[in-house]
Amino acid sequence: MTAPTATLHLAGAGEAAGLAAFLTRLLRYDRAAAVRLRAGGGVLAVFGRPPSFEVLAVRTAALRDAEVSLDVTVSAGELLDAIEEPEGRVGVPAAVTGPPWSGVLPPRGGWRELPGTPGADALRRAVAAAVAEFRARDEALPPEGRTREARDRIGREIWSRTLGDTGLPLRAAHAAQSLGFLPPGGALPHEVPVALLATGPWLRLRTPFGSVVVRTGAGLGELGVAPLRHG
């Protein structure tokens, strides 16, 4: 790894640990992942796009210095290596050429909360039911019919369904759970608060651990179909 171009001082070790956990999960799906960093107003926002979900994932961390300003795309692996958890520091790696998605980010403001968002338990149940349905329909395919095209068709139909009347595709809840934004029930002493926000064509599923953002009416890439590992 090359020497960092700058050092960011996070608000504490907990902020650094949360950021490291997010990057670790993101790299499970793409070892060559890039992330876009935006810092301003005392907050660092890290944007990533895990393959197979067709969503943007956002993890934020509080900064000690509200005057810091930054906007750069870097290697997720190098950023993870540059995190010093006990000290709450993170080195900013050299910039890389950003993938296409990194140039189309949701706006910072103008979000409004939508009513009728399912709770965390309901979201977990919906994801579990979808995973079970995918597996059952996949296993029901005859051996000669278990092609990538057939499996993609099943997955696309399942994960593109919306959650109730929210307009949020089910894959967004799947991504939130898989990336640690929706911890398993019982993992915390209280239920995880969930909110759904909107601005223009964007929908954002937000929890205290991170957000998953989708752009309605315009895809962000190919939609993955196989059930992804949780945890």
C-alpha atoms as a PDB file:
ATOM      1  CA  MET A   1       0.000   0.000   0.000  1.00  0.00           C
ATOM      2  CA  THR A   2       1.261   3.482  -0.845  1.00  0.00           C
ATOM      3  CA  ALA A   3       1.526   6.165   1.824  1.00  0.00           C
ATOM      4  CA  PRO A   4      -1.835   7.753   2.687  1.00  0.00           C
ATOM      5  CA  THR A   5      -2.551  11.105   1.090  1.00  0.00           C
ATOM      6  CA  ALA A   6      -4.284  12.380   4.243  1.00  0.00           C
ATOM      7  CA  THR A   7      -5.330  11.204   7.686  1.00  0.00           C
ATOM      8  CA  LEU A   8      -8.862  11.512   9.009  1.00  0.00           C
ATOM      9  CA  HIS A   9      -9.500  11.563  12.752  1.00  0.00           C
ATOM     10  CA  LEU A  10     -12.758   9.856  13.601  1.00  0.00           C
ATOM     11  CA  ALA A  11     -14.785  10.633  16.702  1.00  0.00           C
ATOM     12  CA  GLY A  12     -13.617   7.455  18.439  1.00  0.00           C
ATOM     13  CA  ALA A  13     -12.640   3.813  18.215  1.00  0.00           C
ATOM     14  CA  GLY A  14     -16.279   2.788  17.815  1.00  0.00           C
ATOM     15  CA  GLU A  15     -16.604   4.836  14.634  1.00  0.00           C
ATOM     16  CA  ALA A  16     -13.471   3.223  13.260  1.00  0.00           C
ATOM     17  CA  ALA A  17     -14.678  -0.282  14.156  1.00  0.00           C
ATOM     18  CA  GLY A  18     -18.022   0.298  12.448  1.00  0.00           C
ATOM     19  CA  LEU A  19     -16.345   1.532   9.296  1.00  0.00           C
ATOM     20  CA  ALA A  20     -13.963  -1.446   9.299  1.00  0.00           C
ATOM     21  CA  ALA A  21     -16.868  -3.888   9.677  1.00  0.00           C
ATOM     22  CA  PHE A  22     -18.668  -2.343   6.721  1.00  0.00           C
ATOM     23  CA  LEU A  23     -15.595  -2.487   4.471  1.00  0.00           C
ATOM     24  CA  THR A  24     -14.923  -6.097   5.490  1.00  0.00           C
ATOM     25  CA  ARG A  25     -18.434  -7.140   4.484  1.00  0.00           C
ATOM     26  CA  LEU A  26     -18.247  -5.185   1.233  1.00  0.00           C
ATOM     27  CA  LEU A  27     -14.969  -6.875   0.296  1.00  0.00           C
ATOM     28  CA  ARG A  28     -16.566 -10.309   0.775  1.00  0.00           C
ATOM     29  CA  TYR A  29     -18.611  -9.619  -2.338  1.00  0.00           C
ATOM     30  CA  ASP A  30     -15.916  -7.845  -4.343  1.00  0.00           C
ATOM     31  CA  ARG A  31     -12.236  -8.067  -3.379  1.00  0.00           C
ATOM     32  CA  ALA A  32     -11.440  -5.282  -5.831  1.00  0.00           C
ATOM     33  CA  ALA A  33     -14.177  -2.968  -4.577  1.00  0.00           C
ATOM     34  CA  ALA A  34     -13.782   0.785  -4.749  1.00  0.00           C
ATOM     35  CA  VAL A  35     -15.559   3.216  -2.443  1.00  0.00           C
ATOM     36  CA  ARG A  36     -16.233   6.916  -2.728  1.00  0.00           C
ATOM     37  CA  LEU A  37     -15.475   9.043   0.319  1.00  0.00           C
ATOM     38  CA  ARG A  38     -17.237  12.310   1.079  1.00  0.00           C
ATOM     39  CA  ALA A  39     -16.346  14.308   4.165  1.00  0.00           C
ATOM     40  CA  GLY A  40     -17.949  17.549   5.298  1.00  0.00           C
ATOM     41  CA  GLY A  41     -19.759  19.036   8.250  1.00  0.00           C
ATOM     42  CA  GLY A  42     -18.066  16.653  10.669  1.00  0.00           C
ATOM     43  CA  VAL A  43     -19.286  13.499   8.907  1.00  0.00           C
ATOM     44  CA  LEU A  44     -17.502  10.996   6.672  1.00  0.00           C
ATOM     45  CA  ALA A  45     -19.787   9.132   4.251  1.00  0.00           C
ATOM     46  CA  VAL A  46     -18.469   6.005   2.542  1.00  0.00           C
ATOM     47  CA  PHE A  47     -20.362   4.792  -0.533  1.00  0.00           C
ATOM     48  CA  GLY A  48     -19.987   1.300  -1.956  1.00  0.00           C
ATOM     49  CA  ARG A  49     -21.804  -0.898  -4.434  1.00  0.00           C
ATOM     50  CA  PRO A  50     -21.828  -4.588  -3.474  1.00  0.00           C
ATOM     51  CA  PRO A  51     -22.282  -6.767  -6.567  1.00  0.00           C
ATOM     52  CA  SER A  52     -25.467  -8.812  -6.859  1.00  0.00           C
ATOM     53  CA  PHE A  53     -27.683  -6.283  -5.060  1.00  0.00           C
ATOM     54  CA  GLU A  54     -28.085  -3.365  -7.510  1.00  0.00           C
ATOM     55  CA  VAL A  55     -28.014  -0.868  -4.641  1.00  0.00           C
ATOM     56  CA  LEU A  56     -25.677   1.684  -3.125  1.00  0.00           C
ATOM     57  CA  ALA A  57     -24.585   1.085   0.452  1.00  0.00           C
ATOM     58  CA  VAL A  58     -23.678   4.021   2.678  1.00  0.00           C
ATOM     59  CA  ARG A  59     -21.845   3.954   5.996  1.00  0.00           C
ATOM     60  CA  THR A  60     -21.188   7.173   7.897  1.00  0.00           C
ATOM     61  CA  ALA A  61     -18.724   7.981  10.676  1.00  0.00           C
ATOM     62  CA  ALA A  62     -18.419  11.090  12.820  1.00  0.00           C
ATOM     63  CA  LEU A  63     -15.239  13.149  12.455  1.00  0.00           C
ATOM     64  CA  ARG A  64     -13.496  15.129  15.175  1.00  0.00           C
ATOM     65  CA  ASP A  65     -12.917  18.068  12.845  1.00  0.00           C
ATOM     66  CA  ALA A  66     -16.045  19.594  11.315  1.00  0.00           C
ATOM     67  CA  GLU A  67     -13.899  21.627   8.912  1.00  0.00           C
ATOM     68  CA  VAL A  68     -12.514  18.634   7.013  1.00  0.00           C
ATOM     69  CA  SER A  69     -13.648  18.478   3.378  1.00  0.00           C
ATOM     70  CA  LEU A  70     -12.959  15.529   1.079  1.00  0.00           C
ATOM     71  CA  ASP A  71     -14.382  13.870  -2.013  1.00  0.00           C
ATOM     72  CA  VAL A  72     -12.357  11.018  -3.519  1.00  0.00           C
ATOM     73  CA  THR A  73     -12.733   7.433  -4.780  1.00  0.00           C
ATOM     74  CA  VAL A  74     -10.284   4.900  -3.327  1.00  0.00           C
ATOM     75  CA  SER A  75      -9.671   1.163  -3.019  1.00  0.00           C
ATOM     76  CA  ALA A  76     -11.873  -0.361  -0.313  1.00  0.00           C
ATOM     77  CA  GLY A  77      -9.144  -2.835   0.604  1.00  0.00           C
ATOM     78  CA  GLU A  78      -6.515  -0.131   1.001  1.00  0.00           C
ATOM     79  CA  LEU A  79      -8.902   1.975   3.043  1.00  0.00           C
ATOM     80  CA  LEU A  80      -9.582  -0.971   5.363  1.00  0.00           C
ATOM     81  CA  ASP A  81      -5.844  -1.549   5.798  1.00  0.00           C
ATOM     82  CA  ALA A  82      -5.387   2.113   6.710  1.00  0.00           C
ATOM     83  CA  ILE A  83      -7.868   2.095   9.602  1.00  0.00           C
ATOM     84  CA  GLU A  84      -6.301   2.299  13.064  1.00  0.00           C
ATOM     85  CA  GLU A  85      -9.185   1.319  15.303  1.00  0.00           C
ATOM     86  CA  PRO A  86      -7.793   2.054  18.797  1.00  0.00           C
ATOM     87  CA  GLU A  87      -6.651   5.518  17.729  1.00  0.00           C
ATOM     88  CA  GLY A  88      -9.763   6.243  15.680  1.00  0.00           C
ATOM     89  CA  ARG A  89      -7.674   7.210  12.671  1.00  0.00           C
ATOM     90  CA  VAL A  90      -7.943   6.309   9.014  1.00  0.00           C
ATOM     91  CA  GLY A  91      -5.470   7.070   6.271  1.00  0.00           C
ATOM     92  CA  VAL A  92      -6.883   8.112   2.912  1.00  0.00           C
ATOM     93  CA  PRO A  93      -5.293   6.019   0.121  1.00  0.00           C
ATOM     94  CA  ALA A  94      -4.379   7.390  -3.277  1.00  0.00           C
ATOM     95  CA  ALA A  95      -7.312   8.030  -5.573  1.00  0.00           C
ATOM     96  CA  VAL A  96      -8.354   5.427  -8.126  1.00  0.00           C
ATOM     97  CA  THR A  97     -10.411   5.683 -11.285  1.00  0.00           C
ATOM     98  CA  GLY A  98     -13.958   5.365 -10.057  1.00  0.00           C
ATOM     99  CA  PRO A  99     -16.441   2.842 -11.457  1.00  0.00           C
ATOM    100  CA  PRO A 100     -19.484   4.290 -13.285  1.00  0.00           C
ATOM    101  CA  TRP A 101     -21.750   4.187 -10.230  1.00  0.00           C
ATOM    102  CA  SER A 102     -19.428   6.467  -8.238  1.00  0.00           C
ATOM    103  CA  GLY A 103     -20.361   9.388 -10.457  1.00  0.00           C
ATOM    104  CA  VAL A 104     -24.097   9.062  -9.765  1.00  0.00           C
ATOM    105  CA  LEU A 105     -24.656   9.482  -6.034  1.00  0.00           C
ATOM    106  CA  PRO A 106     -27.864  10.455  -4.241  1.00  0.00           C
ATOM    107  CA  PRO A 107     -28.223  14.068  -3.082  1.00  0.00           C
ATOM    108  CA  ARG A 108     -27.137  15.043   0.409  1.00  0.00           C
ATOM    109  CA  GLY A 109     -30.337  16.860   1.333  1.00  0.00           C
ATOM    110  CA  GLY A 110     -34.013  17.071   0.520  1.00  0.00           C
ATOM    111  CA  TRP A 111     -34.947  13.690   1.996  1.00  0.00           C
ATOM    112  CA  ARG A 112     -38.426  13.189   3.421  1.00  0.00           C
ATOM    113  CA  GLU A 113     -39.544  10.244   5.523  1.00  0.00           C
ATOM    114  CA  LEU A 114     -42.253   8.029   4.072  1.00  0.00           C
ATOM    115  CA  PRO A 115     -44.995   6.393   6.165  1.00  0.00           C
ATOM    116  CA  GLY A 116     -45.752   2.699   6.301  1.00  0.00           C
ATOM    117  CA  THR A 117     -42.191   1.386   6.534  1.00  0.00           C
ATOM    118  CA  PRO A 118     -42.097  -2.222   7.792  1.00  0.00           C
ATOM    119  CA  GLY A 119     -40.238  -2.730  11.071  1.00  0.00           C
ATOM    120  CA  ALA A 120     -36.939  -4.554  11.361  1.00  0.00           C
ATOM    121  CA  ASP A 121     -38.571  -7.879  12.262  1.00  0.00           C
ATOM    122  CA  ALA A 122     -40.896  -7.654   9.260  1.00  0.00           C
ATOM    123  CA  LEU A 123     -37.963  -6.911   6.965  1.00  0.00           C
ATOM    124  CA  ARG A 124     -36.010  -9.896   8.275  1.00  0.00           C
ATOM    125  CA  ARG A 125     -39.021 -12.171   7.796  1.00  0.00           C
ATOM    126  CA  ALA A 126     -39.519 -10.924   4.235  1.00  0.00           C
ATOM    127  CA  VAL A 127     -35.873 -11.620   3.368  1.00  0.00           C
ATOM    128  CA  ALA A 128     -35.969 -15.080   4.961  1.00  0.00           C
ATOM    129  CA  ALA A 129     -39.145 -15.967   3.068  1.00  0.00           C
ATOM    130  CA  ALA A 130     -37.630 -14.782  -0.217  1.00  0.00           C
ATOM    131  CA  VAL A 131     -34.452 -16.814   0.324  1.00  0.00           C
ATOM    132  CA  ALA A 132     -36.538 -19.891   1.135  1.00  0.00           C
ATOM    133  CA  GLU A 133     -38.705 -19.362  -1.950  1.00  0.00           C
ATOM    134  CA  PHE A 134     -35.670 -19.009  -4.196  1.00  0.00           C
ATOM    135  CA  ARG A 135     -34.152 -22.231  -2.882  1.00  0.00           C
ATOM    136  CA  ALA A 136     -37.425 -24.144  -3.214  1.00  0.00           C
ATOM    137  CA  ARG A 137     -38.035 -22.978  -6.781  1.00  0.00           C
ATOM    138  CA  ASP A 138     -34.426 -23.623  -7.718  1.00  0.00           C
ATOM    139  CA  GLU A 139     -34.545 -27.166  -6.346  1.00  0.00           C
ATOM    140  CA  ALA A 140     -37.820 -27.773  -8.196  1.00  0.00           C
ATOM    141  CA  LEU A 141     -36.167 -27.141 -11.561  1.00  0.00           C
ATOM    142  CA  PRO A 142     -35.412 -30.306 -13.510  1.00  0.00           C
ATOM    143  CA  PRO A 143     -31.677 -31.015 -13.855  1.00  0.00           C
ATOM    144  CA  GLU A 144     -31.712 -30.107 -17.531  1.00  0.00           C
ATOM    145  CA  GLY A 145     -33.559 -26.870 -16.767  1.00  0.00           C
ATOM    146  CA  ARG A 146     -31.301 -25.623 -13.956  1.00  0.00           C
ATOM    147  CA  THR A 147     -29.535 -23.119 -16.161  1.00  0.00           C
ATOM    148  CA  ARG A 148     -28.137 -19.723 -15.248  1.00  0.00           C
ATOM    149  CA  GLU A 149     -30.895 -18.116 -17.302  1.00  0.00           C
ATOM    150  CA  ALA A 150     -33.615 -19.993 -15.426  1.00  0.00           C
ATOM    151  CA  ARG A 151     -32.125 -19.199 -12.021  1.00  0.00           C
ATOM    152  CA  ASP A 152     -31.681 -15.551 -12.976  1.00  0.00           C
ATOM    153  CA  ARG A 153     -35.312 -15.369 -14.024  1.00  0.00           C
ATOM    154  CA  ILE A 154     -36.478 -16.716 -10.650  1.00  0.00           C
ATOM    155  CA  GLY A 155     -34.189 -14.422  -8.697  1.00  0.00           C
ATOM    156  CA  ARG A 156     -35.105 -11.348 -10.700  1.00  0.00           C
ATOM    157  CA  GLU A 157     -38.799 -11.982 -10.124  1.00  0.00           C
ATOM    158  CA  ILE A 158     -38.353 -12.470  -6.364  1.00  0.00           C
ATOM    159  CA  TRP A 159     -35.876  -9.698  -5.512  1.00  0.00           C
ATOM    160  CA  SER A 160     -37.609  -7.075  -7.636  1.00  0.00           C
ATOM    161  CA  ARG A 161     -40.813  -7.357  -5.628  1.00  0.00           C
ATOM    162  CA  THR A 162     -41.600  -4.324  -3.535  1.00  0.00           C
ATOM    163  CA  LEU A 163     -42.120  -4.297   0.209  1.00  0.00           C
ATOM    164  CA  GLY A 164     -45.810  -3.624   0.677  1.00  0.00           C
ATOM    165  CA  ASP A 165     -46.784  -0.242  -0.723  1.00  0.00           C
ATOM    166  CA  THR A 166     -43.374   1.340  -0.114  1.00  0.00           C
ATOM    167  CA  GLY A 167     -41.992   0.918  -3.632  1.00  0.00           C
ATOM    168  CA  LEU A 168     -38.726  -0.351  -2.111  1.00  0.00           C
ATOM    169  CA  PRO A 169     -37.455  -3.505  -3.857  1.00  0.00           C
ATOM    170  CA  LEU A 170     -36.927  -6.516  -1.639  1.00  0.00           C
ATOM    171  CA  ARG A 171     -33.261  -6.671  -2.671  1.00  0.00           C
ATOM    172  CA  ALA A 172     -32.677  -3.479  -0.652  1.00  0.00           C
ATOM    173  CA  ALA A 173     -33.722  -5.198   2.578  1.00  0.00           C
ATOM    174  CA  HIS A 174     -31.595  -8.209   1.614  1.00  0.00           C
ATOM    175  CA  ALA A 175     -28.599  -5.930   1.125  1.00  0.00           C
ATOM    176  CA  ALA A 176     -29.205  -4.164   4.443  1.00  0.00           C
ATOM    177  CA  GLN A 177     -29.234  -7.465   6.306  1.00  0.00           C
ATOM    178  CA  SER A 178     -26.228  -8.897   4.474  1.00  0.00           C
ATOM    179  CA  LEU A 179     -24.129  -5.774   5.074  1.00  0.00           C
ATOM    180  CA  GLY A 180     -24.842  -5.662   8.804  1.00  0.00           C
ATOM    181  CA  PHE A 181     -27.194  -2.684   8.713  1.00  0.00           C
ATOM    182  CA  LEU A 182     -30.042  -4.866   9.988  1.00  0.00           C
ATOM    183  CA  PRO A 183     -28.551  -7.051  12.755  1.00  0.00           C
ATOM    184  CA  PRO A 184     -30.280 -10.339  13.605  1.00  0.00           C
ATOM    185  CA  GLY A 185     -33.165 -10.148  16.036  1.00  0.00           C
ATOM    186  CA  GLY A 186     -31.909 -10.641  19.594  1.00  0.00           C
ATOM    187  CA  ALA A 187     -28.406  -9.375  18.766  1.00  0.00           C
ATOM    188  CA  LEU A 188     -29.195  -6.052  20.447  1.00  0.00           C
ATOM    189  CA  PRO A 189     -31.091  -5.205  23.651  1.00  0.00           C
ATOM    190  CA  HIS A 190     -33.634  -3.231  21.623  1.00  0.00           C
ATOM    191  CA  GLU A 191     -35.164  -3.372  18.169  1.00  0.00           C
ATOM    192  CA  VAL A 192     -33.346  -1.591  15.359  1.00  0.00           C
ATOM    193  CA  PRO A 193     -35.209   1.534  14.221  1.00  0.00           C
ATOM    194  CA  VAL A 194     -35.811   1.607  10.471  1.00  0.00           C
ATOM    195  CA  ALA A 195     -36.881   4.509   8.285  1.00  0.00           C
ATOM    196  CA  LEU A 196     -37.611   4.862   4.591  1.00  0.00           C
ATOM    197  CA  LEU A 197     -36.808   8.204   2.984  1.00  0.00           C
ATOM    198  CA  ALA A 198     -37.247   9.573  -0.519  1.00  0.00           C
ATOM    199  CA  THR A 199     -36.014  12.403  -2.694  1.00  0.00           C
ATOM    200  CA  GLY A 200     -36.609  12.610  -6.435  1.00  0.00           C
ATOM    201  CA  PRO A 201     -36.063   9.146  -7.937  1.00  0.00           C
ATOM    202  CA  TRP A 202     -34.130   7.891  -4.883  1.00  0.00           C
ATOM    203  CA  LEU A 203     -35.318   5.689  -2.009  1.00  0.00           C
ATOM    204  CA  ARG A 204     -33.202   5.183   1.097  1.00  0.00           C
ATOM    205  CA  LEU A 205     -33.626   2.471   3.725  1.00  0.00           C
ATOM    206  CA  ARG A 206     -31.893   3.819   6.831  1.00  0.00           C
ATOM    207  CA  THR A 207     -30.890   2.206  10.124  1.00  0.00           C
ATOM    208  CA  PRO A 208     -28.407   3.405  12.772  1.00  0.00           C
ATOM    209  CA  PHE A 209     -25.792   1.120  11.190  1.00  0.00           C
ATOM    210  CA  GLY A 210     -25.996   2.340   7.608  1.00  0.00           C
ATOM    211  CA  SER A 211     -28.243   2.968   4.629  1.00  0.00           C
ATOM    212  CA  VAL A 212     -29.134   1.208   1.404  1.00  0.00           C
ATOM    213  CA  VAL A 213     -30.125   3.471  -1.479  1.00  0.00           C
ATOM    214  CA  VAL A 214     -31.832   2.580  -4.753  1.00  0.00           C
ATOM    215  CA  ARG A 215     -32.676   4.720  -7.730  1.00  0.00           C
ATOM    216  CA  THR A 216     -36.159   3.934  -8.946  1.00  0.00           C
ATOM    217  CA  GLY A 217     -36.721   3.822 -12.683  1.00  0.00           C
ATOM    218  CA  ALA A 218     -33.001   3.493 -13.440  1.00  0.00           C
ATOM    219  CA  GLY A 219     -30.829   0.496 -12.709  1.00  0.00           C
ATOM    220  CA  LEU A 220     -27.353   0.608 -11.210  1.00  0.00           C
ATOM    221  CA  GLY A 221     -26.139  -2.554 -12.902  1.00  0.00           C
ATOM    222  CA  GLU A 222     -26.986  -6.197 -13.318  1.00  0.00           C
ATOM    223  CA  LEU A 223     -29.269  -7.659 -10.681  1.00  0.00           C
ATOM    224  CA  GLY A 224     -27.888 -10.685  -8.897  1.00  0.00           C
ATOM    225  CA  VAL A 225     -30.259 -13.507  -8.167  1.00  0.00           C
ATOM    226  CA  ALA A 226     -28.756 -16.130  -5.916  1.00  0.00           C
ATOM    227  CA  PRO A 227     -29.449 -15.828  -2.179  1.00  0.00           C
ATOM    228  CA  LEU A 228     -26.373 -14.275  -0.573  1.00  0.00           C
ATOM    229  CA  ARG A 229     -24.892 -15.278   2.753  1.00  0.00           C
ATOM    230  CA  HIS A 230     -25.979 -13.286   5.768  1.00  0.00           C
ATOM    231  CA  GLY A 231     -24.091 -12.224   8.846  1.00  0.00           C
END
